[in-house]
């Protein structure tokens, strides 16, 4: 069995879908969470190593190989654990739902960081 290490901030955020896939599959993994100060230190110490391909998190290490981008990580895990559908059409339907949720998430993030007057309305 591969050794999985999921790295993200100490919140649910963009790594949460991957955590949910691990839970649904019943697969153990190392859940490494950083606070902002730890992340800055970590990022600076490994900037040229390729450990964080885009200089951001989340990242998933699988036996030392690094995968970046939250949706790519979640899709990889769902496929790896046979939770993404049996046919390409099934997989496309799963991707459709995941992408729709990502659109909603972007709208919620936009709302969260909006000025107080516009924070009351979410343009999704």
PDB file of N, CA and C in Angstrom:
ATOM      1  N   UNK A   1       0.847  -1.190   0.000  1.00  0.00           N
ATOM      2  CA  UNK A   1       0.000   0.000   0.000  1.00  0.00           C
ATOM      3  C   UNK A   1       0.883   1.241   0.000  1.00  0.00           C
ATOM      4  N   UNK A   2       0.580   2.200  -0.865  1.00  0.00           N
ATOM      5  CA  UNK A   2       1.367   3.438  -0.902  1.00  0.00           C
ATOM      6  C   UNK A   2       1.266   4.219   0.410  1.00  0.00           C
ATOM      7  N   UNK A   3       2.243   5.078   0.636  1.00  0.00           N
ATOM      8  CA  UNK A   3       2.221   5.993   1.777  1.00  0.00           C
ATOM      9  C   UNK A   3       1.743   7.347   1.264  1.00  0.00           C
ATOM     10  N   UNK A   4       0.620   7.818   1.825  1.00  0.00           N
ATOM     11  CA  UNK A   4       0.013   9.078   1.409  1.00  0.00           C
ATOM     12  C   UNK A   4       0.259  10.140   2.463  1.00  0.00           C
ATOM     13  N   UNK A   5       0.653  11.342   2.005  1.00  0.00           N
ATOM     14  CA  UNK A   5       0.803  12.502   2.885  1.00  0.00           C
ATOM     15  C   UNK A   5       0.081  13.673   2.231  1.00  0.00           C
ATOM     16  N   UNK A   6      -0.980  14.141   2.876  1.00  0.00           N
ATOM     17  CA  UNK A   6      -1.744  15.277   2.385  1.00  0.00           C
ATOM     18  C   UNK A   6      -1.350  16.498   3.193  1.00  0.00           C
ATOM     19  N   UNK A   7      -0.926  17.553   2.498  1.00  0.00           N
ATOM     20  CA  UNK A   7      -0.459  18.767   3.177  1.00  0.00           C
ATOM     21  C   UNK A   7      -1.348  19.945   2.806  1.00  0.00           C
ATOM     22  N   UNK A   8      -1.825  20.613   3.862  1.00  0.00           N
ATOM     23  CA  UNK A   8      -2.655  21.799   3.661  1.00  0.00           C
ATOM     24  C   UNK A   8      -2.679  22.603   4.950  1.00  0.00           C
ATOM     25  N   UNK A   9      -3.422  23.688   4.936  1.00  0.00           N
ATOM     26  CA  UNK A   9      -3.566  24.520   6.120  1.00  0.00           C
ATOM     27  C   UNK A   9      -4.453  23.831   7.156  1.00  0.00           C
ATOM     28  N   UNK A  10      -4.435  24.358   8.356  1.00  0.00           N
ATOM     29  CA  UNK A  10      -5.199  23.778   9.463  1.00  0.00           C
ATOM     30  C   UNK A  10      -6.664  24.207   9.389  1.00  0.00           C
ATOM     31  N   UNK A  11      -7.289  23.933   8.245  1.00  0.00           N
ATOM     32  CA  UNK A  11      -8.720  24.184   8.077  1.00  0.00           C
ATOM     33  C   UNK A  11      -9.260  23.208   7.042  1.00  0.00           C
ATOM     34  N   UNK A  12     -10.544  23.259   6.784  1.00  0.00           N
ATOM     35  CA  UNK A  12     -11.124  22.311   5.832  1.00  0.00           C
ATOM     36  C   UNK A  12     -10.767  22.708   4.406  1.00  0.00           C
ATOM     37  N   UNK A  13     -11.119  23.843   3.973  1.00  0.00           N
ATOM     38  CA  UNK A  13     -10.720  24.405   2.692  1.00  0.00           C
ATOM     39  C   UNK A  13     -10.587  23.441   1.520  1.00  0.00           C
ATOM     40  N   UNK A  14      -9.596  23.694   0.693  1.00  0.00           N
ATOM     41  CA  UNK A  14      -9.426  22.987  -0.580  1.00  0.00           C
ATOM     42  C   UNK A  14      -8.964  21.538  -0.431  1.00  0.00           C
ATOM     43  N   UNK A  15      -8.459  21.149   0.701  1.00  0.00           N
ATOM     44  CA  UNK A  15      -8.039  19.754   0.887  1.00  0.00           C
ATOM     45  C   UNK A  15      -9.172  18.873   1.394  1.00  0.00           C
ATOM     46  N   UNK A  16     -10.286  19.485   1.782  1.00  0.00           N
ATOM     47  CA  UNK A  16     -11.360  18.699   2.384  1.00  0.00           C
ATOM     48  C   UNK A  16     -11.935  17.627   1.454  1.00  0.00           C
ATOM     49  N   UNK A  17     -12.145  17.893   0.155  1.00  0.00           N
ATOM     50  CA  UNK A  17     -12.632  16.804  -0.702  1.00  0.00           C
ATOM     51  C   UNK A  17     -11.704  15.585  -0.688  1.00  0.00           C
ATOM     52  N   UNK A  18     -10.405  15.810  -0.662  1.00  0.00           N
ATOM     53  CA  UNK A  18      -9.461  14.685  -0.615  1.00  0.00           C
ATOM     54  C   UNK A  18      -9.562  13.952   0.716  1.00  0.00           C
ATOM     55  N   UNK A  19      -9.725  14.676   1.801  1.00  0.00           N
ATOM     56  CA  UNK A  19      -9.908  14.032   3.103  1.00  0.00           C
ATOM     57  C   UNK A  19     -11.175  13.175   3.102  1.00  0.00           C
ATOM     58  N   UNK A  20     -12.215  13.678   2.464  1.00  0.00           N
ATOM     59  CA  UNK A  20     -13.461  12.923   2.382  1.00  0.00           C
ATOM     60  C   UNK A  20     -13.294  11.663   1.537  1.00  0.00           C
ATOM     61  N   UNK A  21     -12.520  11.742   0.461  1.00  0.00           N
ATOM     62  CA  UNK A  21     -12.266  10.557  -0.355  1.00  0.00           C
ATOM     63  C   UNK A  21     -11.495   9.520   0.453  1.00  0.00           C
ATOM     64  N   UNK A  22     -10.472   9.958   1.184  1.00  0.00           N
ATOM     65  CA  UNK A  22      -9.737   9.024   2.050  1.00  0.00           C
ATOM     66  C   UNK A  22     -10.692   8.349   3.038  1.00  0.00           C
ATOM     67  N   UNK A  23     -11.576   9.138   3.653  1.00  0.00           N
ATOM     68  CA  UNK A  23     -12.517   8.591   4.634  1.00  0.00           C
ATOM     69  C   UNK A  23     -13.473   7.595   3.976  1.00  0.00           C
ATOM     70  N   UNK A  24     -14.002   7.946   2.814  1.00  0.00           N
ATOM     71  CA  UNK A  24     -14.940   7.055   2.123  1.00  0.00           C
ATOM     72  C   UNK A  24     -14.273   5.746   1.722  1.00  0.00           C
ATOM     73  N   UNK A  25     -12.997   5.824   1.369  1.00  0.00           N
ATOM     74  CA  UNK A  25     -12.263   4.632   0.955  1.00  0.00           C
ATOM     75  C   UNK A  25     -11.726   3.844   2.145  1.00  0.00           C
ATOM     76  N   UNK A  26     -11.727   4.451   3.328  1.00  0.00           N
ATOM     77  CA  UNK A  26     -11.178   3.787   4.516  1.00  0.00           C
ATOM     78  C   UNK A  26      -9.669   3.619   4.439  1.00  0.00           C
ATOM     79  N   UNK A  27      -9.013   4.578   3.797  1.00  0.00           N
ATOM     80  CA  UNK A  27      -7.563   4.509   3.605  1.00  0.00           C
ATOM     81  C   UNK A  27      -6.874   5.475   4.561  1.00  0.00           C
ATOM     82  N   UNK A  28      -5.855   4.982   5.243  1.00  0.00           N
ATOM     83  CA  UNK A  28      -5.089   5.824   6.159  1.00  0.00           C
ATOM     84  C   UNK A  28      -4.113   6.702   5.380  1.00  0.00           C
ATOM     85  N   UNK A  29      -3.881   7.889   5.915  1.00  0.00           N
ATOM     86  CA  UNK A  29      -2.947   8.838   5.312  1.00  0.00           C
ATOM     87  C   UNK A  29      -2.441   9.757   6.409  1.00  0.00           C
ATOM     88  N   UNK A  30      -1.353  10.438   6.132  1.00  0.00           N
ATOM     89  CA  UNK A  30      -0.819  11.418   7.068  1.00  0.00           C
ATOM     90  C   UNK A  30      -1.399  12.781   6.703  1.00  0.00           C
ATOM     91  N   UNK A  31      -2.145  13.368   7.617  1.00  0.00           N
ATOM     92  CA  UNK A  31      -2.810  14.653   7.410  1.00  0.00           C
ATOM     93  C   UNK A  31      -1.930  15.737   8.030  1.00  0.00           C
ATOM     94  N   UNK A  32      -1.103  16.351   7.208  1.00  0.00           N
ATOM     95  CA  UNK A  32      -0.135  17.347   7.683  1.00  0.00           C
ATOM     96  C   UNK A  32      -0.743  18.728   7.484  1.00  0.00           C
ATOM     97  N   UNK A  33      -0.932  19.449   8.604  1.00  0.00           N
ATOM     98  CA  UNK A  33      -1.580  20.760   8.546  1.00  0.00           C
ATOM     99  C   UNK A  33      -0.630  21.845   9.045  1.00  0.00           C
ATOM    100  N   UNK A  34      -0.630  22.950   8.325  1.00  0.00           N
ATOM    101  CA  UNK A  34       0.251  24.079   8.636  1.00  0.00           C
ATOM    102  C   UNK A  34      -0.562  25.283   9.070  1.00  0.00           C
ATOM    103  N   UNK A  35      -0.039  26.038  10.042  1.00  0.00           N
ATOM    104  CA  UNK A  35      -0.592  27.361  10.285  1.00  0.00           C
ATOM    105  C   UNK A  35       0.171  28.309   9.355  1.00  0.00           C
ATOM    106  N   UNK A  36      -0.292  29.544   9.167  1.00  0.00           N
ATOM    107  CA  UNK A  36       0.340  30.435   8.191  1.00  0.00           C
ATOM    108  C   UNK A  36       1.847  30.646   8.411  1.00  0.00           C
ATOM    109  N   UNK A  37       2.278  30.743   9.668  1.00  0.00           N
ATOM    110  CA  UNK A  37       3.704  30.955   9.931  1.00  0.00           C
ATOM    111  C   UNK A  37       4.522  29.717   9.563  1.00  0.00           C
ATOM    112  N   UNK A  38       4.010  28.537   9.915  1.00  0.00           N
ATOM    113  CA  UNK A  38       4.702  27.295   9.561  1.00  0.00           C
ATOM    114  C   UNK A  38       4.792  27.148   8.045  1.00  0.00           C
ATOM    115  N   UNK A  39       3.703  27.488   7.350  1.00  0.00           N
ATOM    116  CA  UNK A  39       3.683  27.367   5.887  1.00  0.00           C
ATOM    117  C   UNK A  39       4.733  28.281   5.264  1.00  0.00           C
ATOM    118  N   UNK A  40       4.822  29.518   5.725  1.00  0.00           N
ATOM    119  CA  UNK A  40       5.801  30.454   5.158  1.00  0.00           C
ATOM    120  C   UNK A  40       7.213  29.917   5.343  1.00  0.00           C
ATOM    121  N   UNK A  41       7.508  29.398   6.521  1.00  0.00           N
ATOM    122  CA  UNK A  41       8.821  28.833   6.802  1.00  0.00           C
ATOM    123  C   UNK A  41       9.085  27.606   5.927  1.00  0.00           C
ATOM    124  N   UNK A  42       8.096  26.727   5.823  1.00  0.00           N
ATOM    125  CA  UNK A  42       8.207  25.519   4.993  1.00  0.00           C
ATOM    126  C   UNK A  42       8.424  25.887   3.527  1.00  0.00           C
ATOM    127  N   UNK A  43       7.644  26.821   3.054  1.00  0.00           N
ATOM    128  CA  UNK A  43       7.708  27.247   1.656  1.00  0.00           C
ATOM    129  C   UNK A  43       9.087  27.823   1.315  1.00  0.00           C
ATOM    130  N   UNK A  44       9.605  28.652   2.202  1.00  0.00           N
ATOM    131  CA  UNK A  44      10.916  29.252   1.970  1.00  0.00           C
ATOM    132  C   UNK A  44      12.037  28.221   2.027  1.00  0.00           C
ATOM    133  N   UNK A  45      11.906  27.229   2.902  1.00  0.00           N
ATOM    134  CA  UNK A  45      12.979  26.253   3.083  1.00  0.00           C
ATOM    135  C   UNK A  45      13.079  25.249   1.934  1.00  0.00           C
ATOM    136  N   UNK A  46      12.010  25.082   1.175  1.00  0.00           N
ATOM    137  CA  UNK A  46      12.027  24.083   0.098  1.00  0.00           C
ATOM    138  C   UNK A  46      11.676  24.683  -1.262  1.00  0.00           C
ATOM    139  N   UNK A  47      11.849  25.972  -1.425  1.00  0.00           N
ATOM    140  CA  UNK A  47      11.369  26.649  -2.626  1.00  0.00           C
ATOM    141  C   UNK A  47      11.896  26.070  -3.927  1.00  0.00           C
ATOM    142  N   UNK A  48      13.085  25.552  -3.958  1.00  0.00           N
ATOM    143  CA  UNK A  48      13.650  25.043  -5.211  1.00  0.00           C
ATOM    144  C   UNK A  48      13.591  23.522  -5.311  1.00  0.00           C
ATOM    145  N   UNK A  49      12.962  22.869  -4.349  1.00  0.00           N
ATOM    146  CA  UNK A  49      13.011  21.405  -4.301  1.00  0.00           C
ATOM    147  C   UNK A  49      11.958  20.717  -5.159  1.00  0.00           C
ATOM    148  N   UNK A  50      10.926  21.436  -5.591  1.00  0.00           N
ATOM    149  CA  UNK A  50       9.838  20.806  -6.315  1.00  0.00           C
ATOM    150  C   UNK A  50       8.812  20.171  -5.405  1.00  0.00           C
ATOM    151  N   UNK A  51       8.997  20.334  -4.099  1.00  0.00           N
ATOM    152  CA  UNK A  51       8.089  19.751  -3.119  1.00  0.00           C
ATOM    153  C   UNK A  51       6.702  20.405  -3.189  1.00  0.00           C
ATOM    154  N   UNK A  52       6.653  21.638  -3.636  1.00  0.00           N
ATOM    155  CA  UNK A  52       5.414  22.387  -3.842  1.00  0.00           C
ATOM    156  C   UNK A  52       5.474  22.953  -5.255  1.00  0.00           C
ATOM    157  N   UNK A  53       5.030  22.183  -6.260  1.00  0.00           N
ATOM    158  CA  UNK A  53       5.242  22.554  -7.664  1.00  0.00           C
ATOM    159  C   UNK A  53       4.806  23.965  -8.052  1.00  0.00           C
ATOM    160  N   UNK A  54       3.741  24.471  -7.490  1.00  0.00           N
ATOM    161  CA  UNK A  54       3.271  25.811  -7.830  1.00  0.00           C
ATOM    162  C   UNK A  54       3.440  26.782  -6.664  1.00  0.00           C
ATOM    163  N   UNK A  55       4.214  26.369  -5.663  1.00  0.00           N
ATOM    164  CA  UNK A  55       4.433  27.214  -4.494  1.00  0.00           C
ATOM    165  C   UNK A  55       3.188  27.387  -3.651  1.00  0.00           C
ATOM    166  N   UNK A  56       2.294  26.423  -3.715  1.00  0.00           N
ATOM    167  CA  UNK A  56       1.046  26.518  -2.960  1.00  0.00           C
ATOM    168  C   UNK A  56       0.600  25.141  -2.505  1.00  0.00           C
ATOM    169  N   UNK A  57      -0.397  25.131  -1.647  1.00  0.00           N
ATOM    170  CA  UNK A  57      -0.989  23.896  -1.168  1.00  0.00           C
ATOM    171  C   UNK A  57      -2.454  23.880  -1.573  1.00  0.00           C
ATOM    172  N   UNK A  58      -3.116  22.732  -1.543  1.00  0.00           N
ATOM    173  CA  UNK A  58      -2.649  21.465  -1.023  1.00  0.00           C
ATOM    174  C   UNK A  58      -1.728  20.739  -1.992  1.00  0.00           C
ATOM    175  N   UNK A  59      -0.961  19.829  -1.414  1.00  0.00           N
ATOM    176  CA  UNK A  59      -0.194  18.863  -2.196  1.00  0.00           C
ATOM    177  C   UNK A  59      -0.397  17.495  -1.555  1.00  0.00           C
ATOM    178  N   UNK A  60      -0.277  16.476  -2.396  1.00  0.00           N
ATOM    179  CA  UNK A  60      -0.343  15.101  -1.942  1.00  0.00           C
ATOM    180  C   UNK A  60       0.955  14.427  -2.339  1.00  0.00           C
ATOM    181  N   UNK A  61       1.612  13.812  -1.365  1.00  0.00           N
ATOM    182  CA  UNK A  61       2.781  12.986  -1.656  1.00  0.00           C
ATOM    183  C   UNK A  61       2.327  11.533  -1.652  1.00  0.00           C
ATOM    184  N   UNK A  62       2.692  10.822  -2.713  1.00  0.00           N
ATOM    185  CA  UNK A  62       2.398   9.396  -2.824  1.00  0.00           C
ATOM    186  C   UNK A  62       3.733   8.701  -3.018  1.00  0.00           C
ATOM    187  N   UNK A  63       4.200   8.054  -1.968  1.00  0.00           N
ATOM    188  CA  UNK A  63       5.520   7.407  -2.006  1.00  0.00           C
ATOM    189  C   UNK A  63       6.598   8.359  -2.524  1.00  0.00           C
ATOM    190  N   UNK A  64       6.538   9.617  -2.081  1.00  0.00           N
ATOM    191  CA  UNK A  64       7.546  10.602  -2.436  1.00  0.00           C
ATOM    192  C   UNK A  64       7.250  11.389  -3.701  1.00  0.00           C
ATOM    193  N   UNK A  65       6.313  10.932  -4.533  1.00  0.00           N
ATOM    194  CA  UNK A  65       5.904  11.686  -5.725  1.00  0.00           C
ATOM    195  C   UNK A  65       4.901  12.750  -5.302  1.00  0.00           C
ATOM    196  N   UNK A  66       4.976  13.937  -5.901  1.00  0.00           N
ATOM    197  CA  UNK A  66       4.127  15.052  -5.489  1.00  0.00           C
ATOM    198  C   UNK A  66       3.077  15.360  -6.549  1.00  0.00           C
ATOM    199  N   UNK A  67       1.838  15.504  -6.076  1.00  0.00           N
ATOM    200  CA  UNK A  67       0.731  15.938  -6.918  1.00  0.00           C
ATOM    201  C   UNK A  67       0.200  17.230  -6.312  1.00  0.00           C
ATOM    202  N   UNK A  68       0.035  18.255  -7.140  1.00  0.00           N
ATOM    203  CA  UNK A  68      -0.500  19.539  -6.692  1.00  0.00           C
ATOM    204  C   UNK A  68      -1.883  19.755  -7.310  1.00  0.00           C
ATOM    205  N   UNK A  69      -2.551  20.786  -6.856  1.00  0.00           N
ATOM    206  CA  UNK A  69      -3.869  21.221  -7.308  1.00  0.00           C
ATOM    207  C   UNK A  69      -4.962  20.343  -6.685  1.00  0.00           C
ATOM    208  N   UNK A  70      -5.831  20.980  -5.935  1.00  0.00           N
ATOM    209  CA  UNK A  70      -6.830  20.265  -5.128  1.00  0.00           C
ATOM    210  C   UNK A  70      -7.724  19.339  -5.945  1.00  0.00           C
ATOM    211  N   UNK A  71      -8.191  19.785  -7.100  1.00  0.00           N
ATOM    212  CA  UNK A  71      -9.085  18.941  -7.894  1.00  0.00           C
ATOM    213  C   UNK A  71      -8.336  17.758  -8.494  1.00  0.00           C
ATOM    214  N   UNK A  72      -7.103  17.981  -8.926  1.00  0.00           N
ATOM    215  CA  UNK A  72      -6.302  16.877  -9.461  1.00  0.00           C
ATOM    216  C   UNK A  72      -6.042  15.829  -8.384  1.00  0.00           C
ATOM    217  N   UNK A  73      -5.780  16.275  -7.167  1.00  0.00           N
ATOM    218  CA  UNK A  73      -5.546  15.363  -6.056  1.00  0.00           C
ATOM    219  C   UNK A  73      -6.802  14.546  -5.772  1.00  0.00           C
ATOM    220  N   UNK A  74      -7.939  15.208  -5.647  1.00  0.00           N
ATOM    221  CA  UNK A  74      -9.193  14.512  -5.329  1.00  0.00           C
ATOM    222  C   UNK A  74      -9.560  13.525  -6.436  1.00  0.00           C
ATOM    223  N   UNK A  75      -9.382  13.929  -7.683  1.00  0.00           N
ATOM    224  CA  UNK A  75      -9.705  13.029  -8.796  1.00  0.00           C
ATOM    225  C   UNK A  75      -8.766  11.822  -8.818  1.00  0.00           C
ATOM    226  N   UNK A  76      -7.495  12.062  -8.575  1.00  0.00           N
ATOM    227  CA  UNK A  76      -6.537  10.954  -8.519  1.00  0.00           C
ATOM    228  C   UNK A  76      -6.963   9.944  -7.450  1.00  0.00           C
ATOM    229  N   UNK A  77      -7.264  10.452  -6.258  1.00  0.00           N
ATOM    230  CA  UNK A  77      -7.645   9.562  -5.158  1.00  0.00           C
ATOM    231  C   UNK A  77      -8.940   8.813  -5.464  1.00  0.00           C
ATOM    232  N   UNK A  78      -9.930   9.512  -6.007  1.00  0.00           N
ATOM    233  CA  UNK A  78     -11.194   8.857  -6.341  1.00  0.00           C
ATOM    234  C   UNK A  78     -10.975   7.747  -7.366  1.00  0.00           C
ATOM    235  N   UNK A  79     -10.131   7.997  -8.351  1.00  0.00           N
ATOM    236  CA  UNK A  79      -9.814   6.957  -9.329  1.00  0.00           C
ATOM    237  C   UNK A  79      -9.022   5.825  -8.692  1.00  0.00           C
ATOM    238  N   UNK A  80      -8.051   6.172  -7.874  1.00  0.00           N
ATOM    239  CA  UNK A  80      -7.196   5.175  -7.226  1.00  0.00           C
ATOM    240  C   UNK A  80      -7.996   4.214  -6.355  1.00  0.00           C
ATOM    241  N   UNK A  81      -9.009   4.752  -5.670  1.00  0.00           N
ATOM    242  CA  UNK A  81      -9.799   3.948  -4.742  1.00  0.00           C
ATOM    243  C   UNK A  81     -11.117   3.472  -5.362  1.00  0.00           C
ATOM    244  N   UNK A  82     -11.230   3.625  -6.678  1.00  0.00           N
ATOM    245  CA  UNK A  82     -12.406   3.175  -7.438  1.00  0.00           C
ATOM    246  C   UNK A  82     -13.706   3.805  -6.935  1.00  0.00           C
ATOM    247  N   UNK A  83     -13.652   5.116  -6.670  1.00  0.00           N
ATOM    248  CA  UNK A  83     -14.828   5.862  -6.219  1.00  0.00           C
ATOM    249  C   UNK A  83     -15.284   6.888  -7.250  1.00  0.00           C
ATOM    250  N   UNK A  84     -14.685   6.882  -8.445  1.00  0.00           N
ATOM    251  CA  UNK A  84     -14.981   7.907  -9.435  1.00  0.00           C
ATOM    252  C   UNK A  84     -15.965   7.452 -10.497  1.00  0.00           C
ATOM    253  N   UNK A  85     -16.462   6.241 -10.410  1.00  0.00           N
ATOM    254  CA  UNK A  85     -17.363   5.711 -11.426  1.00  0.00           C
ATOM    255  C   UNK A  85     -16.678   4.613 -12.215  1.00  0.00           C
ATOM    256  N   UNK A  86     -17.480   3.743 -12.773  1.00  0.00           N
ATOM    257  CA  UNK A  86     -16.920   2.594 -13.498  1.00  0.00           C
ATOM    258  C   UNK A  86     -16.674   2.901 -14.976  1.00  0.00           C
ATOM    259  N   UNK A  87     -17.476   3.759 -15.571  1.00  0.00           N
ATOM    260  CA  UNK A  87     -17.323   4.075 -16.989  1.00  0.00           C
ATOM    261  C   UNK A  87     -16.868   5.523 -17.142  1.00  0.00           C
ATOM    262  N   UNK A  88     -16.425   5.865 -18.326  1.00  0.00           N
ATOM    263  CA  UNK A  88     -16.034   7.255 -18.580  1.00  0.00           C
ATOM    264  C   UNK A  88     -17.218   8.198 -18.434  1.00  0.00           C
ATOM    265  N   UNK A  89     -18.419   7.737 -18.805  1.00  0.00           N
ATOM    266  CA  UNK A  89     -19.609   8.566 -18.630  1.00  0.00           C
ATOM    267  C   UNK A  89     -19.886   8.804 -17.148  1.00  0.00           C
ATOM    268  N   UNK A  90     -19.779   7.755 -16.336  1.00  0.00           N
ATOM    269  CA  UNK A  90     -19.939   7.921 -14.885  1.00  0.00           C
ATOM    270  C   UNK A  90     -18.916   8.917 -14.346  1.00  0.00           C
ATOM    271  N   UNK A  91     -17.666   8.784 -14.783  1.00  0.00           N
ATOM    272  CA  UNK A  91     -16.605   9.691 -14.316  1.00  0.00           C
ATOM    273  C   UNK A  91     -16.904  11.133 -14.736  1.00  0.00           C
ATOM    274  N   UNK A  92     -17.427  11.305 -15.946  1.00  0.00           N
ATOM    275  CA  UNK A  92     -17.769  12.655 -16.412  1.00  0.00           C
ATOM    276  C   UNK A  92     -18.875  13.258 -15.554  1.00  0.00           C
ATOM    277  N   UNK A  93     -19.836  12.450 -15.142  1.00  0.00           N
ATOM    278  CA  UNK A  93     -20.920  12.946 -14.286  1.00  0.00           C
ATOM    279  C   UNK A  93     -20.387  13.338 -12.907  1.00  0.00           C
ATOM    280  N   UNK A  94     -19.474  12.540 -12.372  1.00  0.00           N
ATOM    281  CA  UNK A  94     -18.844  12.889 -11.098  1.00  0.00           C
ATOM    282  C   UNK A  94     -18.080  14.201 -11.253  1.00  0.00           C
ATOM    283  N   UNK A  95     -17.300  14.327 -12.330  1.00  0.00           N
ATOM    284  CA  UNK A  95     -16.550  15.561 -12.588  1.00  0.00           C
ATOM    285  C   UNK A  95     -17.494  16.758 -12.712  1.00  0.00           C
ATOM    286  N   UNK A  96     -18.645  16.559 -13.344  1.00  0.00           N
ATOM    287  CA  UNK A  96     -19.623  17.628 -13.500  1.00  0.00           C
ATOM    288  C   UNK A  96     -20.074  18.162 -12.145  1.00  0.00           C
ATOM    289  N   UNK A  97     -20.376  17.255 -11.231  1.00  0.00           N
ATOM    290  CA  UNK A  97     -20.820  17.669  -9.900  1.00  0.00           C
ATOM    291  C   UNK A  97     -19.686  18.356  -9.152  1.00  0.00           C
ATOM    292  N   UNK A  98     -18.486  17.780  -9.226  1.00  0.00           N
ATOM    293  CA  UNK A  98     -17.328  18.366  -8.545  1.00  0.00           C
ATOM    294  C   UNK A  98     -17.052  19.770  -9.080  1.00  0.00           C
ATOM    295  N   UNK A  99     -17.105  19.938 -10.394  1.00  0.00           N
ATOM    296  CA  UNK A  99     -16.850  21.250 -10.990  1.00  0.00           C
ATOM    297  C   UNK A  99     -17.932  22.259 -10.603  1.00  0.00           C
ATOM    298  N   UNK A 100     -19.184  21.811 -10.514  1.00  0.00           N
ATOM    299  CA  UNK A 100     -20.255  22.708 -10.072  1.00  0.00           C
ATOM    300  C   UNK A 100     -20.021  23.163  -8.629  1.00  0.00           C
ATOM    301  N   UNK A 101     -19.588  22.228  -7.783  1.00  0.00           N
ATOM    302  CA  UNK A 101     -19.275  22.600  -6.398  1.00  0.00           C
ATOM    303  C   UNK A 101     -18.112  23.578  -6.341  1.00  0.00           C
ATOM    304  N   UNK A 102     -17.145  23.421  -7.218  1.00  0.00           N
ATOM    305  CA  UNK A 102     -16.022  24.357  -7.272  1.00  0.00           C
ATOM    306  C   UNK A 102     -16.511  25.752  -7.662  1.00  0.00           C
ATOM    307  N   UNK A 103     -17.450  25.840  -8.595  1.00  0.00           N
ATOM    308  CA  UNK A 103     -18.031  27.135  -8.964  1.00  0.00           C
ATOM    309  C   UNK A 103     -18.708  27.785  -7.763  1.00  0.00           C
ATOM    310  N   UNK A 104     -19.453  26.993  -7.007  1.00  0.00           N
ATOM    311  CA  UNK A 104     -20.112  27.513  -5.809  1.00  0.00           C
ATOM    312  C   UNK A 104     -19.075  27.982  -4.799  1.00  0.00           C
ATOM    313  N   UNK A 105     -18.028  27.182  -4.613  1.00  0.00           N
ATOM    314  CA  UNK A 105     -16.968  27.539  -3.671  1.00  0.00           C
ATOM    315  C   UNK A 105     -16.314  28.863  -4.056  1.00  0.00           C
ATOM    316  N   UNK A 106     -16.050  29.058  -5.339  1.00  0.00           N
ATOM    317  CA  UNK A 106     -15.451  30.323  -5.791  1.00  0.00           C
ATOM    318  C   UNK A 106     -16.359  31.502  -5.459  1.00  0.00           C
ATOM    319  N   UNK A 107     -17.672  31.316  -5.651  1.00  0.00           N
ATOM    320  CA  UNK A 107     -18.615  32.377  -5.315  1.00  0.00           C
ATOM    321  C   UNK A 107     -18.630  32.683  -3.827  1.00  0.00           C
ATOM    322  N   UNK A 108     -18.542  31.635  -3.013  1.00  0.00           N
ATOM    323  CA  UNK A 108     -18.522  31.833  -1.565  1.00  0.00           C
ATOM    324  C   UNK A 108     -17.243  32.545  -1.118  1.00  0.00           C
ATOM    325  N   UNK A 109     -16.136  32.195  -1.733  1.00  0.00           N
ATOM    326  CA  UNK A 109     -14.873  32.861  -1.408  1.00  0.00           C
ATOM    327  C   UNK A 109     -14.944  34.328  -1.802  1.00  0.00           C
ATOM    328  N   UNK A 110     -15.496  34.586  -2.977  1.00  0.00           N
ATOM    329  CA  UNK A 110     -15.659  35.973  -3.434  1.00  0.00           C
ATOM    330  C   UNK A 110     -16.521  36.756  -2.450  1.00  0.00           C
ATOM    331  N   UNK A 111     -17.601  36.133  -1.999  1.00  0.00           N
ATOM    332  CA  UNK A 111     -18.490  36.790  -1.046  1.00  0.00           C
ATOM    333  C   UNK A 111     -17.773  37.041   0.277  1.00  0.00           C
ATOM    334  N   UNK A 112     -17.018  36.062   0.748  1.00  0.00           N
ATOM    335  CA  UNK A 112     -16.334  36.174   2.033  1.00  0.00           C
ATOM    336  C   UNK A 112     -15.361  37.348   2.048  1.00  0.00           C
ATOM    337  N   UNK A 113     -14.652  37.553   0.936  1.00  0.00           N
ATOM    338  CA  UNK A 113     -13.643  38.605   0.884  1.00  0.00           C
ATOM    339  C   UNK A 113     -14.161  39.925   0.328  1.00  0.00           C
ATOM    340  N   UNK A 114     -15.437  39.994   0.012  1.00  0.00           N
ATOM    341  CA  UNK A 114     -16.006  41.222  -0.526  1.00  0.00           C
ATOM    342  C   UNK A 114     -16.103  42.288   0.560  1.00  0.00           C
ATOM    343  N   UNK A 115     -16.236  43.533   0.112  1.00  0.00           N
ATOM    344  CA  UNK A 115     -16.449  44.630   1.049  1.00  0.00           C
ATOM    345  C   UNK A 115     -17.761  44.402   1.793  1.00  0.00           C
ATOM    346  N   UNK A 116     -17.901  45.005   2.974  1.00  0.00           N
ATOM    347  CA  UNK A 116     -19.059  44.768   3.832  1.00  0.00           C
ATOM    348  C   UNK A 116     -20.394  44.986   3.126  1.00  0.00           C
ATOM    349  N   UNK A 117     -20.504  46.023   2.271  1.00  0.00           N
ATOM    350  CA  UNK A 117     -21.778  46.324   1.628  1.00  0.00           C
ATOM    351  C   UNK A 117     -22.197  45.197   0.682  1.00  0.00           C
ATOM    352  N   UNK A 118     -21.239  44.588   0.010  1.00  0.00           N
ATOM    353  CA  UNK A 118     -21.564  43.546  -0.965  1.00  0.00           C
ATOM    354  C   UNK A 118     -21.492  42.154  -0.370  1.00  0.00           C
ATOM    355  N   UNK A 119     -21.038  42.053   0.842  1.00  0.00           N
ATOM    356  CA  UNK A 119     -20.872  40.745   1.476  1.00  0.00           C
ATOM    357  C   UNK A 119     -22.213  40.046   1.719  1.00  0.00           C
ATOM    358  N   UNK A 120     -23.295  40.819   1.709  1.00  0.00           N
ATOM    359  CA  UNK A 120     -24.616  40.265   1.969  1.00  0.00           C
ATOM    360  C   UNK A 120     -25.157  39.482   0.778  1.00  0.00           C
ATOM    361  N   UNK A 121     -24.601  39.697  -0.412  1.00  0.00           N
ATOM    362  CA  UNK A 121     -25.118  39.052  -1.619  1.00  0.00           C
ATOM    363  C   UNK A 121     -24.009  38.249  -2.263  1.00  0.00           C
ATOM    364  N   UNK A 122     -24.301  37.016  -2.593  1.00  0.00           N
ATOM    365  CA  UNK A 122     -23.333  36.160  -3.250  1.00  0.00           C
ATOM    366  C   UNK A 122     -23.728  36.008  -4.721  1.00  0.00           C
ATOM    367  N   UNK A 123     -22.832  36.358  -5.618  1.00  0.00           N
ATOM    368  CA  UNK A 123     -23.101  36.252  -7.058  1.00  0.00           C
ATOM    369  C   UNK A 123     -22.529  34.958  -7.591  1.00  0.00           C
ATOM    370  N   UNK A 124     -23.278  33.897  -7.434  1.00  0.00           N
ATOM    371  CA  UNK A 124     -22.826  32.581  -7.922  1.00  0.00           C
ATOM    372  C   UNK A 124     -23.467  32.306  -9.258  1.00  0.00           C
TER     373      UNK A 124
END
